[in-house]
Amino acid sequence: MPSLAPAHAPAGTWTAYPHPASIMLYEEGQGYPTFDLAKAKQYYSRVNDKVARLVLDGIKRWDAADL
């Protein structure tokens, strides 16, 4: 949605923190994100797998320490 992605303001005009937009472009009209459902699902799955491995490893270590 173009209205959600303004270009960076020219130097010396204004600044805000946090930035008032969730998407920032370096140049007006260039760099809009694209959404790929297949890639998003793959990313989601990989992140979930990684977090699950970390949690299970932590539990394994607690069990080994009789916690």
PDB file of N, CA and C in Angstrom:
ATOM      1  N   MET A   1       0.845  -1.171   0.000  1.00  0.00           N
ATOM      2  CA  MET A   1       0.000   0.000   0.000  1.00  0.00           C
ATOM      3  C   MET A   1       0.894   1.239   0.000  1.00  0.00           C
ATOM      4  N   PRO A   2       0.915   1.972  -1.072  1.00  0.00           N
ATOM      5  CA  PRO A   2       1.811   3.130  -1.174  1.00  0.00           C
ATOM      6  C   PRO A   2       1.663   4.164  -0.065  1.00  0.00           C
ATOM      7  N   SER A   3       0.475   4.338   0.468  1.00  0.00           N
ATOM      8  CA  SER A   3       0.289   5.342   1.521  1.00  0.00           C
ATOM      9  C   SER A   3       0.985   4.947   2.820  1.00  0.00           C
ATOM     10  N   LEU A   4       1.350   3.680   2.963  1.00  0.00           N
ATOM     11  CA  LEU A   4       2.027   3.216   4.170  1.00  0.00           C
ATOM     12  C   LEU A   4       3.540   3.263   4.052  1.00  0.00           C
ATOM     13  N   ALA A   5       4.052   3.666   2.881  1.00  0.00           N
ATOM     14  CA  ALA A   5       5.492   3.611   2.644  1.00  0.00           C
ATOM     15  C   ALA A   5       6.025   4.927   2.083  1.00  0.00           C
ATOM     16  N   PRO A   6       6.207   5.928   2.936  1.00  0.00           N
ATOM     17  CA  PRO A   6       6.755   7.187   2.436  1.00  0.00           C
ATOM     18  C   PRO A   6       8.266   7.096   2.239  1.00  0.00           C
ATOM     19  N   ALA A   7       8.795   7.929   1.372  1.00  0.00           N
ATOM     20  CA  ALA A   7      10.241   8.009   1.191  1.00  0.00           C
ATOM     21  C   ALA A   7      10.843   8.751   2.380  1.00  0.00           C
ATOM     22  N   HIS A   8      12.137   8.521   2.625  1.00  0.00           N
ATOM     23  CA  HIS A   8      12.825   9.265   3.682  1.00  0.00           C
ATOM     24  C   HIS A   8      12.703  10.759   3.403  1.00  0.00           C
ATOM     25  N   ALA A   9      12.514  11.533   4.439  1.00  0.00           N
ATOM     26  CA  ALA A   9      12.414  12.986   4.287  1.00  0.00           C
ATOM     27  C   ALA A   9      13.792  13.550   3.928  1.00  0.00           C
ATOM     28  N   PRO A  10      13.834  14.582   3.132  1.00  0.00           N
ATOM     29  CA  PRO A  10      15.118  15.207   2.805  1.00  0.00           C
ATOM     30  C   PRO A  10      15.855  15.649   4.066  1.00  0.00           C
ATOM     31  N   ALA A  11      17.163  15.617   4.023  1.00  0.00           N
ATOM     32  CA  ALA A  11      17.986  15.998   5.174  1.00  0.00           C
ATOM     33  C   ALA A  11      17.609  17.390   5.676  1.00  0.00           C
ATOM     34  N   GLY A  12      17.503  17.507   6.982  1.00  0.00           N
ATOM     35  CA  GLY A  12      17.231  18.797   7.590  1.00  0.00           C
ATOM     36  C   GLY A  12      15.775  19.219   7.610  1.00  0.00           C
ATOM     37  N   THR A  13      14.843  18.358   7.134  1.00  0.00           N
ATOM     38  CA  THR A  13      13.440  18.764   7.121  1.00  0.00           C
ATOM     39  C   THR A  13      12.717  18.352   8.399  1.00  0.00           C
ATOM     40  N   TRP A  14      12.721  17.075   8.717  1.00  0.00           N
ATOM     41  CA  TRP A  14      12.098  16.621   9.959  1.00  0.00           C
ATOM     42  C   TRP A  14      12.625  15.241  10.312  1.00  0.00           C
ATOM     43  N   THR A  15      12.516  14.888  11.566  1.00  0.00           N
ATOM     44  CA  THR A  15      12.863  13.548  12.019  1.00  0.00           C
ATOM     45  C   THR A  15      11.859  13.132  13.081  1.00  0.00           C
ATOM     46  N   ALA A  16      11.699  11.842  13.224  1.00  0.00           N
ATOM     47  CA  ALA A  16      10.806  11.312  14.253  1.00  0.00           C
ATOM     48  C   ALA A  16      11.319   9.948  14.671  1.00  0.00           C
ATOM     49  N   TYR A  17      11.226   9.668  15.967  1.00  0.00           N
ATOM     50  CA  TYR A  17      11.585   8.350  16.466  1.00  0.00           C
ATOM     51  C   TYR A  17      10.535   7.917  17.467  1.00  0.00           C
ATOM     52  N   PRO A  18       9.887   6.809  17.284  1.00  0.00           N
ATOM     53  CA  PRO A  18      10.033   5.936  16.120  1.00  0.00           C
ATOM     54  C   PRO A  18       9.441   6.585  14.881  1.00  0.00           C
ATOM     55  N   HIS A  19       9.861   6.091  13.746  1.00  0.00           N
ATOM     56  CA  HIS A  19       9.382   6.638  12.472  1.00  0.00           C
ATOM     57  C   HIS A  19       7.876   6.403  12.370  1.00  0.00           C
ATOM     58  N   PRO A  20       7.123   7.346  11.816  1.00  0.00           N
ATOM     59  CA  PRO A  20       5.669   7.217  11.778  1.00  0.00           C
ATOM     60  C   PRO A  20       5.134   6.223  10.747  1.00  0.00           C
ATOM     61  N   ALA A  21       6.005   5.564   9.995  1.00  0.00           N
ATOM     62  CA  ALA A  21       5.557   4.589   9.004  1.00  0.00           C
ATOM     63  C   ALA A  21       6.220   3.245   9.264  1.00  0.00           C
ATOM     64  N   SER A  22       5.536   2.171   8.911  1.00  0.00           N
ATOM     65  CA  SER A  22       6.099   0.841   9.123  1.00  0.00           C
ATOM     66  C   SER A  22       7.034   0.429   7.997  1.00  0.00           C
ATOM     67  N   ILE A  23       6.933   1.088   6.857  1.00  0.00           N
ATOM     68  CA  ILE A  23       7.802   0.819   5.710  1.00  0.00           C
ATOM     69  C   ILE A  23       8.431   2.141   5.287  1.00  0.00           C
ATOM     70  N   MET A  24       9.751   2.145   5.132  1.00  0.00           N
ATOM     71  CA  MET A  24      10.434   3.364   4.706  1.00  0.00           C
ATOM     72  C   MET A  24      11.161   3.106   3.398  1.00  0.00           C
ATOM     73  N   LEU A  25      11.001   3.984   2.452  1.00  0.00           N
ATOM     74  CA  LEU A  25      11.651   3.861   1.154  1.00  0.00           C
ATOM     75  C   LEU A  25      12.799   4.858   1.073  1.00  0.00           C
ATOM     76  N   TYR A  26      13.870   4.457   0.396  1.00  0.00           N
ATOM     77  CA  TYR A  26      14.980   5.382   0.200  1.00  0.00           C
ATOM     78  C   TYR A  26      14.647   6.389  -0.892  1.00  0.00           C
ATOM     79  N   GLU A  27      13.875   5.956  -1.884  1.00  0.00           N
ATOM     80  CA  GLU A  27      13.443   6.854  -2.955  1.00  0.00           C
ATOM     81  C   GLU A  27      11.949   6.682  -3.162  1.00  0.00           C
ATOM     82  N   GLU A  28      11.274   7.764  -3.413  1.00  0.00           N
ATOM     83  CA  GLU A  28       9.828   7.750  -3.618  1.00  0.00           C
ATOM     84  C   GLU A  28       9.452   6.738  -4.700  1.00  0.00           C
ATOM     85  N   GLY A  29       8.544   5.824  -4.373  1.00  0.00           N
ATOM     86  CA  GLY A  29       8.024   4.872  -5.349  1.00  0.00           C
ATOM     87  C   GLY A  29       8.921   3.679  -5.642  1.00  0.00           C
ATOM     88  N   GLN A  30      10.069   3.581  -4.988  1.00  0.00           N
ATOM     89  CA  GLN A  30      10.979   2.459  -5.263  1.00  0.00           C
ATOM     90  C   GLN A  30      11.254   1.682  -3.998  1.00  0.00           C
ATOM     91  N   GLY A  31      11.124   0.357  -4.084  1.00  0.00           N
ATOM     92  CA  GLY A  31      11.469  -0.491  -2.964  1.00  0.00           C
ATOM     93  C   GLY A  31      10.304  -1.026  -2.160  1.00  0.00           C
ATOM     94  N   TYR A  32       9.099  -0.973  -2.726  1.00  0.00           N
ATOM     95  CA  TYR A  32       7.959  -1.527  -2.009  1.00  0.00           C
ATOM     96  C   TYR A  32       8.185  -3.016  -1.783  1.00  0.00           C
ATOM     97  N   PRO A  33       7.852  -3.524  -0.605  1.00  0.00           N
ATOM     98  CA  PRO A  33       8.019  -4.955  -0.360  1.00  0.00           C
ATOM     99  C   PRO A  33       7.020  -5.774  -1.174  1.00  0.00           C
ATOM    100  N   THR A  34       7.417  -6.983  -1.496  1.00  0.00           N
ATOM    101  CA  THR A  34       6.505  -7.903  -2.169  1.00  0.00           C
ATOM    102  C   THR A  34       6.251  -9.071  -1.224  1.00  0.00           C
ATOM    103  N   PHE A  35       5.069  -9.605  -1.257  1.00  0.00           N
ATOM    104  CA  PHE A  35       4.710 -10.706  -0.377  1.00  0.00           C
ATOM    105  C   PHE A  35       4.608 -11.979  -1.186  1.00  0.00           C
ATOM    106  N   ASP A  36       5.340 -12.993  -0.756  1.00  0.00           N
ATOM    107  CA  ASP A  36       5.325 -14.302  -1.400  1.00  0.00           C
ATOM    108  C   ASP A  36       4.843 -15.304  -0.347  1.00  0.00           C
ATOM    109  N   LEU A  37       3.632 -15.827  -0.516  1.00  0.00           N
ATOM    110  CA  LEU A  37       3.035 -16.710   0.478  1.00  0.00           C
ATOM    111  C   LEU A  37       3.881 -17.961   0.712  1.00  0.00           C
ATOM    112  N   ALA A  38       4.424 -18.554  -0.337  1.00  0.00           N
ATOM    113  CA  ALA A  38       5.232 -19.761  -0.181  1.00  0.00           C
ATOM    114  C   ALA A  38       6.486 -19.475   0.652  1.00  0.00           C
ATOM    115  N   LYS A  39       7.145 -18.351   0.370  1.00  0.00           N
ATOM    116  CA  LYS A  39       8.339 -17.984   1.148  1.00  0.00           C
ATOM    117  C   LYS A  39       7.974 -17.661   2.593  1.00  0.00           C
ATOM    118  N   ALA A  40       6.837 -17.012   2.792  1.00  0.00           N
ATOM    119  CA  ALA A  40       6.396 -16.680   4.149  1.00  0.00           C
ATOM    120  C   ALA A  40       6.126 -17.942   4.959  1.00  0.00           C
ATOM    121  N   LYS A  41       5.488 -18.929   4.341  1.00  0.00           N
ATOM    122  CA  LYS A  41       5.214 -20.183   5.038  1.00  0.00           C
ATOM    123  C   LYS A  41       6.504 -20.919   5.373  1.00  0.00           C
ATOM    124  N   GLN A  42       7.446 -20.900   4.444  1.00  0.00           N
ATOM    125  CA  GLN A  42       8.733 -21.559   4.681  1.00  0.00           C
ATOM    126  C   GLN A  42       9.469 -20.865   5.831  1.00  0.00           C
ATOM    127  N   TYR A  43       9.496 -19.550   5.821  1.00  0.00           N
ATOM    128  CA  TYR A  43      10.140 -18.785   6.888  1.00  0.00           C
ATOM    129  C   TYR A  43       9.484 -19.096   8.236  1.00  0.00           C
ATOM    130  N   TYR A  44       8.169 -19.060   8.276  1.00  0.00           N
ATOM    131  CA  TYR A  44       7.412 -19.333   9.504  1.00  0.00           C
ATOM    132  C   TYR A  44       7.761 -20.724  10.046  1.00  0.00           C
ATOM    133  N   SER A  45       7.781 -21.694   9.163  1.00  0.00           N
ATOM    134  CA  SER A  45       8.092 -23.063   9.562  1.00  0.00           C
ATOM    135  C   SER A  45       9.504 -23.180  10.115  1.00  0.00           C
ATOM    136  N   ARG A  46      10.462 -22.554   9.450  1.00  0.00           N
ATOM    137  CA  ARG A  46      11.849 -22.623   9.901  1.00  0.00           C
ATOM    138  C   ARG A  46      12.048 -21.923  11.247  1.00  0.00           C
ATOM    139  N   VAL A  47      11.398 -20.790  11.434  1.00  0.00           N
ATOM    140  CA  VAL A  47      11.500 -20.086  12.719  1.00  0.00           C
ATOM    141  C   VAL A  47      10.893 -20.935  13.824  1.00  0.00           C
ATOM    142  N   ASN A  48       9.723 -21.516  13.576  1.00  0.00           N
ATOM    143  CA  ASN A  48       9.086 -22.366  14.588  1.00  0.00           C
ATOM    144  C   ASN A  48       9.963 -23.556  14.931  1.00  0.00           C
ATOM    145  N   ASP A  49      10.568 -24.188  13.922  1.00  0.00           N
ATOM    146  CA  ASP A  49      11.455 -25.328  14.170  1.00  0.00           C
ATOM    147  C   ASP A  49      12.647 -24.913  15.028  1.00  0.00           C
ATOM    148  N   LYS A  50      13.232 -23.777  14.726  1.00  0.00           N
ATOM    149  CA  LYS A  50      14.393 -23.289  15.475  1.00  0.00           C
ATOM    150  C   LYS A  50      14.019 -23.018  16.934  1.00  0.00           C
ATOM    151  N   VAL A  51      12.908 -22.336  17.146  1.00  0.00           N
ATOM    152  CA  VAL A  51      12.480 -22.019  18.511  1.00  0.00           C
ATOM    153  C   VAL A  51      12.172 -23.310  19.268  1.00  0.00           C
ATOM    154  N   ALA A  52      11.507 -24.263  18.613  1.00  0.00           N
ATOM    155  CA  ALA A  52      11.193 -25.534  19.266  1.00  0.00           C
ATOM    156  C   ALA A  52      12.471 -26.257  19.683  1.00  0.00           C
ATOM    157  N   ARG A  53      13.480 -26.277  18.812  1.00  0.00           N
ATOM    158  CA  ARG A  53      14.749 -26.928  19.155  1.00  0.00           C
ATOM    159  C   ARG A  53      15.405 -26.248  20.353  1.00  0.00           C
ATOM    160  N   LEU A  54      15.370 -24.922  20.390  1.00  0.00           N
ATOM    161  CA  LEU A  54      15.957 -24.196  21.514  1.00  0.00           C
ATOM    162  C   LEU A  54      15.233 -24.498  22.822  1.00  0.00           C
ATOM    163  N   VAL A  55      13.914 -24.525  22.783  1.00  0.00           N
ATOM    164  CA  VAL A  55      13.126 -24.813  23.986  1.00  0.00           C
ATOM    165  C   VAL A  55      13.398 -26.242  24.451  1.00  0.00           C
ATOM    166  N   LEU A  56      13.363 -27.205  23.537  1.00  0.00           N
ATOM    167  CA  LEU A  56      13.601 -28.595  23.915  1.00  0.00           C
ATOM    168  C   LEU A  56      15.013 -28.789  24.457  1.00  0.00           C
ATOM    169  N   ASP A  57      15.985 -28.096  23.893  1.00  0.00           N
ATOM    170  CA  ASP A  57      17.351 -28.186  24.391  1.00  0.00           C
ATOM    171  C   ASP A  57      17.438 -27.627  25.817  1.00  0.00           C
ATOM    172  N   GLY A  58      16.756 -26.525  26.056  1.00  0.00           N
ATOM    173  CA  GLY A  58      16.738 -25.945  27.405  1.00  0.00           C
ATOM    174  C   GLY A  58      16.112 -26.887  28.414  1.00  0.00           C
ATOM    175  N   ILE A  59      15.001 -27.501  28.048  1.00  0.00           N
ATOM    176  CA  ILE A  59      14.339 -28.451  28.945  1.00  0.00           C
ATOM    177  C   ILE A  59      15.239 -29.664  29.210  1.00  0.00           C
ATOM    178  N   LYS A  60      15.897 -30.131  28.164  1.00  0.00           N
ATOM    179  CA  LYS A  60      16.812 -31.266  28.308  1.00  0.00           C
ATOM    180  C   LYS A  60      17.917 -30.932  29.316  1.00  0.00           C
ATOM    181  N   ARG A  61      18.447 -29.730  29.226  1.00  0.00           N
ATOM    182  CA  ARG A  61      19.512 -29.310  30.147  1.00  0.00           C
ATOM    183  C   ARG A  61      18.991 -29.154  31.585  1.00  0.00           C
ATOM    184  N   TRP A  62      17.773 -28.615  31.728  1.00  0.00           N
ATOM    185  CA  TRP A  62      17.176 -28.512  33.061  1.00  0.00           C
ATOM    186  C   TRP A  62      16.968 -29.895  33.669  1.00  0.00           C
ATOM    187  N   ASP A  63      16.462 -30.813  32.832  1.00  0.00           N
ATOM    188  CA  ASP A  63      16.253 -32.176  33.321  1.00  0.00           C
ATOM    189  C   ASP A  63      17.589 -32.808  33.737  1.00  0.00           C
ATOM    190  N   ALA A  64      18.640 -32.582  32.978  1.00  0.00           N
ATOM    191  CA  ALA A  64      19.949 -33.140  33.309  1.00  0.00           C
ATOM    192  C   ALA A  64      20.484 -32.542  34.611  1.00  0.00           C
ATOM    193  N   ALA A  65      20.090 -31.318  34.915  1.00  0.00           N
ATOM    194  CA  ALA A  65      20.531 -30.658  36.139  1.00  0.00           C
ATOM    195  C   ALA A  65      19.557 -30.900  37.299  1.00  0.00           C
ATOM    196  N   ASP A  66      18.555 -31.758  37.059  1.00  0.00           N
ATOM    197  CA  ASP A  66      17.526 -32.047  38.069  1.00  0.00           C
ATOM    198  C   ASP A  66      16.809 -30.793  38.548  1.00  0.00           C
ATOM    199  N   LEU A  67      16.517 -29.900  37.610  1.00  0.00           N
ATOM    200  CA  LEU A  67      15.776 -28.680  37.971  1.00  0.00           C
ATOM    201  C   LEU A  67      14.288 -28.888  37.784  1.00  0.00           C
TER     202      LEU A  67
END
